[in-house]
N, C-alpha and C. Protein backbone atom coordinates (compact mmCIF):
# COMPACT_ATOMS: atom_id res chain seq x y z
N MET A 1 89.72 263.05 22.29
CA MET A 1 89.44 263.38 23.68
C MET A 1 89.41 264.94 23.90
N ASN A 2 88.50 265.29 24.70
CA ASN A 2 88.35 266.64 24.96
C ASN A 2 88.64 266.96 26.49
N ARG A 3 89.92 267.45 26.66
CA ARG A 3 90.42 267.60 27.83
C ARG A 3 89.62 268.29 29.05
N ARG A 4 89.04 269.60 28.48
CA ARG A 4 88.27 270.37 29.47
C ARG A 4 86.97 269.72 29.89
N PHE A 5 86.37 268.91 29.08
CA PHE A 5 85.23 268.15 29.45
C PHE A 5 85.66 267.15 30.52
N LEU A 6 86.77 266.49 30.39
CA LEU A 6 87.26 265.47 31.36
C LEU A 6 87.71 266.16 32.56
N ILE A 7 88.31 267.27 32.57
CA ILE A 7 88.63 268.06 33.76
C ILE A 7 87.38 268.55 34.54
N ALA A 8 86.41 269.15 33.86
CA ALA A 8 85.15 269.67 34.48
C ALA A 8 84.43 268.39 35.06
N GLY A 9 84.33 267.36 34.32
CA GLY A 9 83.73 266.21 34.77
C GLY A 9 84.34 265.62 36.14
N ALA A 10 85.65 265.57 36.14
CA ALA A 10 86.39 265.17 37.36
C ALA A 10 86.15 266.12 38.46
N ILE A 11 86.25 267.40 38.28
CA ILE A 11 85.95 268.32 39.34
C ILE A 11 84.55 268.28 39.91
N PHE A 12 83.60 268.24 38.91
CA PHE A 12 82.18 268.14 39.46
C PHE A 12 82.02 266.63 40.17
N GLY A 13 82.56 265.66 39.78
CA GLY A 13 82.51 264.41 40.39
C GLY A 13 83.09 264.39 41.75
N LEU A 14 84.31 264.96 41.85
CA LEU A 14 85.02 265.15 43.13
C LEU A 14 84.21 265.84 44.11
N THR A 15 83.79 266.99 43.69
CA THR A 15 83.07 267.88 44.63
C THR A 15 81.64 267.24 44.95
N ALA A 16 81.06 266.56 44.06
CA ALA A 16 79.88 265.82 44.42
C ALA A 16 80.00 264.79 45.53
N VAL A 17 81.05 263.99 45.43
CA VAL A 17 81.41 263.06 46.54
C VAL A 17 81.71 263.74 47.79
N VAL A 18 82.52 264.77 47.78
CA VAL A 18 82.83 265.51 49.09
C VAL A 18 81.46 266.07 49.57
N LEU A 19 80.73 266.83 48.78
CA LEU A 19 79.47 267.39 49.31
C LEU A 19 78.47 266.31 49.75
N GLY A 20 78.44 265.24 49.01
CA GLY A 20 77.55 264.19 49.58
C GLY A 20 78.03 263.52 50.79
N ALA A 21 79.16 263.33 51.03
CA ALA A 21 79.79 262.91 52.35
C ALA A 21 79.52 263.96 53.42
N PHE A 22 79.68 265.14 53.10
CA PHE A 22 79.46 266.31 54.00
C PHE A 22 77.98 266.29 54.51
N ALA A 23 77.10 266.15 53.55
CA ALA A 23 75.60 266.17 53.85
C ALA A 23 75.25 264.87 54.69
N ALA A 24 75.77 263.80 54.30
CA ALA A 24 75.56 262.49 55.16
C ALA A 24 76.10 262.54 56.58
N HIS A 25 77.22 263.19 56.64
CA HIS A 25 77.87 263.19 58.09
C HIS A 25 77.73 264.49 58.77
N GLY A 26 77.80 265.58 58.15
CA GLY A 26 77.90 266.89 58.75
C GLY A 26 76.58 267.66 58.86
N LEU A 27 75.78 267.42 57.86
CA LEU A 27 74.55 268.16 57.80
C LEU A 27 73.28 267.42 58.47
N LYS A 28 73.35 266.07 58.61
CA LYS A 28 72.34 265.20 58.85
C LYS A 28 71.56 265.78 60.22
N GLU A 29 72.40 266.19 61.15
CA GLU A 29 71.93 266.62 62.43
C GLU A 29 71.55 268.13 62.49
N THR A 30 71.99 268.86 61.38
CA THR A 30 71.96 270.33 61.62
C THR A 30 70.82 271.04 60.63
N ILE A 31 70.39 270.33 59.66
CA ILE A 31 69.30 270.98 58.87
C ILE A 31 68.20 269.98 58.84
N SER A 32 66.96 270.45 58.35
CA SER A 32 65.76 269.61 58.39
C SER A 32 65.97 268.51 57.33
N ALA A 33 65.05 267.55 57.51
CA ALA A 33 65.05 266.41 56.57
C ALA A 33 64.75 266.88 55.19
N GLU A 34 63.90 267.79 55.00
CA GLU A 34 63.54 268.34 53.73
C GLU A 34 64.68 269.06 53.11
N SER A 35 65.43 269.87 53.85
CA SER A 35 66.55 270.60 53.38
C SER A 35 67.62 269.55 53.00
N LEU A 36 67.87 268.53 53.77
CA LEU A 36 68.81 267.58 53.50
C LEU A 36 68.54 266.76 52.16
N ASN A 37 67.19 266.45 51.99
CA ASN A 37 66.78 265.88 50.78
C ASN A 37 67.05 266.77 49.53
N SER A 38 66.83 268.04 49.71
CA SER A 38 67.12 268.98 48.59
C SER A 38 68.60 269.11 48.31
N PHE A 39 69.40 269.10 49.30
CA PHE A 39 70.94 269.20 49.21
C PHE A 39 71.31 267.89 48.40
N GLU A 40 70.79 266.66 48.86
CA GLU A 40 71.13 265.46 48.12
C GLU A 40 70.67 265.46 46.70
N THR A 41 69.59 266.15 46.36
CA THR A 41 69.10 266.26 44.95
C THR A 41 70.19 267.06 44.14
N GLY A 42 70.65 268.11 44.74
CA GLY A 42 71.78 268.94 44.13
C GLY A 42 72.99 268.03 43.84
N VAL A 43 73.39 267.21 44.81
CA VAL A 43 74.49 266.37 44.74
C VAL A 43 74.30 265.32 43.56
N ARG A 44 73.13 264.79 43.58
CA ARG A 44 72.82 263.73 42.66
C ARG A 44 72.89 264.31 41.19
N PHE A 45 72.28 265.45 40.93
CA PHE A 45 72.27 266.04 39.70
C PHE A 45 73.66 266.52 39.25
N GLN A 46 74.49 267.07 40.17
CA GLN A 46 75.83 267.32 39.91
C GLN A 46 76.67 266.11 39.40
N MET A 47 76.44 265.01 40.10
CA MET A 47 77.11 263.73 39.75
C MET A 47 76.69 263.27 38.35
N TYR A 48 75.34 263.21 38.05
CA TYR A 48 74.83 262.86 36.79
C TYR A 48 75.54 263.61 35.69
N HIS A 49 75.76 264.91 35.89
CA HIS A 49 76.33 265.68 34.76
C HIS A 49 77.79 265.61 34.82
N ALA A 50 78.38 265.25 35.93
CA ALA A 50 79.84 264.98 35.92
C ALA A 50 80.10 263.68 34.96
N PHE A 51 79.23 262.69 35.18
CA PHE A 51 79.35 261.51 34.36
C PHE A 51 79.19 261.96 32.86
N LEU A 52 78.18 262.76 32.60
CA LEU A 52 77.96 263.13 31.17
C LEU A 52 79.22 263.91 30.60
N LEU A 53 79.79 264.76 31.30
CA LEU A 53 80.97 265.48 30.98
C LEU A 53 82.13 264.48 30.66
N LEU A 54 82.26 263.50 31.51
CA LEU A 54 83.39 262.51 31.33
C LEU A 54 83.09 261.65 30.05
N ILE A 55 81.81 261.22 29.86
CA ILE A 55 81.53 260.55 28.58
C ILE A 55 81.76 261.39 27.40
N LEU A 56 81.32 262.62 27.41
CA LEU A 56 81.49 263.44 26.25
C LEU A 56 82.91 263.77 25.87
N GLY A 57 83.72 263.88 26.99
CA GLY A 57 85.16 264.14 26.91
C GLY A 57 85.96 262.98 26.22
N GLY A 58 85.32 261.83 26.22
CA GLY A 58 86.01 260.75 25.61
C GLY A 58 85.87 260.53 24.10
N TYR A 59 84.82 261.33 23.61
CA TYR A 59 84.50 261.16 22.18
C TYR A 59 84.64 262.45 21.51
N ASN A 60 84.82 262.45 20.09
CA ASN A 60 84.82 263.58 19.27
C ASN A 60 83.68 263.43 18.32
N LEU A 61 82.42 263.45 18.63
CA LEU A 61 81.27 263.20 17.81
C LEU A 61 80.78 264.42 17.17
N LEU A 62 80.94 265.61 17.88
CA LEU A 62 80.34 266.79 17.30
C LEU A 62 81.43 267.86 17.05
N SER A 63 80.95 268.88 16.35
CA SER A 63 81.96 269.91 15.93
C SER A 63 82.36 270.74 17.15
N SER A 64 83.51 271.40 17.23
CA SER A 64 83.90 272.16 18.39
C SER A 64 82.99 273.24 18.76
N LYS A 65 82.26 273.84 17.79
CA LYS A 65 81.30 274.80 18.16
C LYS A 65 80.13 274.35 18.94
N LYS A 66 79.65 273.16 18.53
CA LYS A 66 78.53 272.47 19.29
C LYS A 66 79.05 272.02 20.64
N MET A 67 80.21 271.45 20.69
CA MET A 67 80.72 271.00 21.93
C MET A 67 80.88 272.15 22.92
N ASN A 68 81.31 273.37 22.38
CA ASN A 68 81.49 274.55 23.26
C ASN A 68 80.14 274.85 23.88
N TRP A 69 79.07 274.80 23.07
CA TRP A 69 77.84 275.28 23.67
C TRP A 69 77.30 274.28 24.62
N ILE A 70 77.52 273.03 24.40
CA ILE A 70 77.09 271.97 25.37
C ILE A 70 77.97 272.04 26.61
N PHE A 71 79.20 272.33 26.48
CA PHE A 71 80.08 272.42 27.67
C PHE A 71 79.69 273.60 28.56
N TYR A 72 79.49 274.71 27.93
CA TYR A 72 79.07 275.94 28.68
C TYR A 72 77.64 275.72 29.40
N LEU A 73 76.80 275.14 28.62
CA LEU A 73 75.45 274.98 29.19
C LEU A 73 75.47 274.07 30.39
N LEU A 74 76.16 272.95 30.26
CA LEU A 74 76.28 272.02 31.31
C LEU A 74 76.95 272.61 32.52
N CYS A 75 78.02 273.20 32.36
CA CYS A 75 78.79 273.72 33.53
C CYS A 75 77.93 274.75 34.19
N LEU A 76 77.49 275.78 33.43
CA LEU A 76 76.64 276.78 34.03
C LEU A 76 75.41 276.27 34.62
N GLY A 77 74.73 275.24 33.92
CA GLY A 77 73.58 274.61 34.49
C GLY A 77 73.84 273.98 35.88
N VAL A 78 74.93 273.26 35.92
CA VAL A 78 75.25 272.59 37.20
C VAL A 78 75.52 273.63 38.37
N LEU A 79 76.36 274.65 37.96
CA LEU A 79 76.65 275.67 39.10
C LEU A 79 75.41 276.33 39.49
N LEU A 80 74.48 276.70 38.59
CA LEU A 80 73.27 277.47 39.02
C LEU A 80 72.27 276.46 39.72
N PHE A 81 72.04 275.28 39.04
CA PHE A 81 71.12 274.34 39.71
C PHE A 81 71.50 273.87 40.99
N SER A 82 72.66 273.12 40.95
CA SER A 82 73.06 272.55 42.17
C SER A 82 73.60 273.53 43.28
N GLY A 83 74.34 274.55 42.78
CA GLY A 83 74.80 275.57 43.66
C GLY A 83 73.76 276.30 44.37
N SER A 84 72.70 276.76 43.73
CA SER A 84 71.67 277.33 44.33
C SER A 84 70.90 276.47 45.39
N ILE A 85 70.81 275.18 45.10
CA ILE A 85 70.12 274.23 45.94
C ILE A 85 70.99 274.13 47.26
N TYR A 86 72.35 274.13 47.03
CA TYR A 86 73.17 273.95 48.17
C TYR A 86 73.00 275.16 49.15
N LEU A 87 72.98 276.27 48.59
CA LEU A 87 72.79 277.59 49.34
C LEU A 87 71.50 277.67 50.02
N LEU A 88 70.46 277.27 49.29
CA LEU A 88 69.12 277.38 49.85
C LEU A 88 68.99 276.28 50.94
N SER A 89 69.52 275.19 50.80
CA SER A 89 69.41 274.19 51.83
C SER A 89 70.13 274.41 53.13
N THR A 90 71.20 275.16 52.99
CA THR A 90 72.13 275.38 54.18
C THR A 90 72.03 276.81 54.61
N GLY A 91 71.11 277.59 54.16
CA GLY A 91 71.02 278.97 54.66
C GLY A 91 70.88 279.14 56.06
N VAL A 92 70.09 278.18 56.78
CA VAL A 92 69.82 278.29 58.16
C VAL A 92 71.21 278.13 58.93
N LEU A 93 72.18 277.49 58.42
CA LEU A 93 73.43 277.29 59.16
C LEU A 93 74.29 278.70 59.27
N PHE A 94 74.06 279.43 58.24
CA PHE A 94 74.78 280.68 58.15
C PHE A 94 73.81 281.92 58.52
N ASN A 95 72.61 281.62 58.99
CA ASN A 95 71.73 282.59 59.29
C ASN A 95 71.49 283.65 58.13
N VAL A 96 71.44 283.05 56.89
CA VAL A 96 71.26 283.93 55.66
C VAL A 96 69.97 283.36 55.05
N ASP A 97 69.20 284.27 54.45
CA ASP A 97 68.03 283.84 53.72
C ASP A 97 68.48 284.06 52.28
N PHE A 98 68.59 282.87 51.63
CA PHE A 98 69.09 282.80 50.22
C PHE A 98 67.82 282.71 49.30
N LYS A 99 66.72 282.98 49.78
CA LYS A 99 65.50 282.89 48.89
C LYS A 99 65.48 283.84 47.72
N SER A 100 66.31 284.89 47.80
CA SER A 100 66.49 285.81 46.72
C SER A 100 67.06 285.14 45.45
N ILE A 101 67.83 284.07 45.66
CA ILE A 101 68.49 283.33 44.59
C ILE A 101 67.67 282.12 44.07
N ALA A 102 66.42 281.93 44.64
CA ALA A 102 65.68 280.75 44.39
C ALA A 102 65.42 280.55 42.84
N LEU A 103 65.30 281.68 42.08
CA LEU A 103 65.13 281.51 40.65
C LEU A 103 66.26 280.98 39.86
N LEU A 104 67.37 280.92 40.47
CA LEU A 104 68.60 280.39 39.80
C LEU A 104 68.45 278.84 39.59
N THR A 105 67.68 278.27 40.54
CA THR A 105 67.52 276.68 40.48
C THR A 105 66.80 276.42 39.18
N PRO A 106 65.60 276.91 38.88
CA PRO A 106 65.01 276.55 37.57
C PRO A 106 65.73 277.08 36.37
N LEU A 107 66.50 278.15 36.43
CA LEU A 107 67.26 278.75 35.33
C LEU A 107 68.37 277.67 35.11
N GLY A 108 69.09 277.10 36.12
CA GLY A 108 70.10 276.20 35.94
C GLY A 108 69.57 274.87 35.37
N GLY A 109 68.34 274.40 35.89
CA GLY A 109 67.73 273.25 35.33
C GLY A 109 67.35 273.41 33.90
N SER A 110 66.96 274.58 33.48
CA SER A 110 66.68 274.90 32.18
C SER A 110 67.78 274.76 31.30
N LEU A 111 68.99 275.21 31.67
CA LEU A 111 70.20 275.06 30.98
C LEU A 111 70.59 273.74 30.83
N LEU A 112 70.44 272.86 31.78
CA LEU A 112 70.65 271.46 31.64
C LEU A 112 69.81 270.74 30.73
N ILE A 113 68.48 271.10 30.71
CA ILE A 113 67.54 270.56 29.73
C ILE A 113 67.95 270.94 28.27
N ILE A 114 68.27 272.17 28.23
CA ILE A 114 68.67 272.68 26.80
C ILE A 114 69.93 271.96 26.34
N SER A 115 70.96 271.65 27.18
CA SER A 115 72.15 270.89 26.77
C SER A 115 71.76 269.44 26.38
N TRP A 116 70.76 268.86 27.08
CA TRP A 116 70.37 267.51 26.72
C TRP A 116 69.61 267.54 25.36
N ILE A 117 68.81 268.59 25.07
CA ILE A 117 68.09 268.64 23.77
C ILE A 117 69.17 268.82 22.70
N LEU A 118 70.14 269.74 23.00
CA LEU A 118 71.13 269.92 21.89
C LEU A 118 71.84 268.72 21.63
N LEU A 119 72.13 267.84 22.59
CA LEU A 119 72.81 266.54 22.42
C LEU A 119 71.95 265.68 21.58
N LEU A 120 70.68 265.56 21.99
CA LEU A 120 69.73 264.68 21.29
C LEU A 120 69.61 265.09 19.76
N LEU A 121 69.49 266.32 19.54
CA LEU A 121 69.34 266.84 18.21
C LEU A 121 70.65 266.53 17.34
N ASN A 122 71.70 266.70 17.92
CA ASN A 122 72.89 266.52 17.17
C ASN A 122 73.24 264.96 17.03
N PHE A 123 72.78 264.16 17.95
CA PHE A 123 72.95 262.71 17.79
C PHE A 123 72.04 262.15 16.71
N ILE A 124 70.87 262.67 16.64
CA ILE A 124 69.85 262.40 15.54
C ILE A 124 70.48 262.72 14.16
N LYS A 125 71.28 263.85 14.16
CA LYS A 125 71.80 264.18 12.85
C LYS A 125 73.13 263.44 12.37
N LEU A 126 73.65 262.65 13.43
CA LEU A 126 74.85 261.88 13.07
C LEU A 126 74.57 260.96 11.93
N LYS A 127 75.58 260.74 11.08
CA LYS A 127 75.44 259.85 9.95
C LYS A 127 75.56 258.46 10.50
N LYS A 128 74.77 257.54 9.81
CA LYS A 128 74.90 256.13 10.14
C LYS A 128 76.11 255.56 9.46
N LYS A 129 76.83 254.65 10.17
CA LYS A 129 78.04 254.10 9.57
C LYS A 129 77.73 252.72 8.97
């Protein structure tokens, strides 16, 4: 078991549920439908990757070096991808234009894609039992 994967997965899962509830009940009437849809995309991707962290935390399939790379790529990817979407979607509430951080969304998405590619390549290399 990998404790930090489990902790990060639980934190991302918890905050995804809280933010999803906040979006459904608190943001529904205050931001546009398009912004709400974007916010929900951030929540959904955060939850997907929370599940992935929890699953990976339960197994010791890869070396610690490979697991470190995947852990940091996933965590940073979620923070940049979902975090930037949350800010971009709710900027009107704070009267702040977060468009200057818009490039963080595809950067975070790229980090998530890279983590999945690394997982796939490492799973392909696993020995058959």
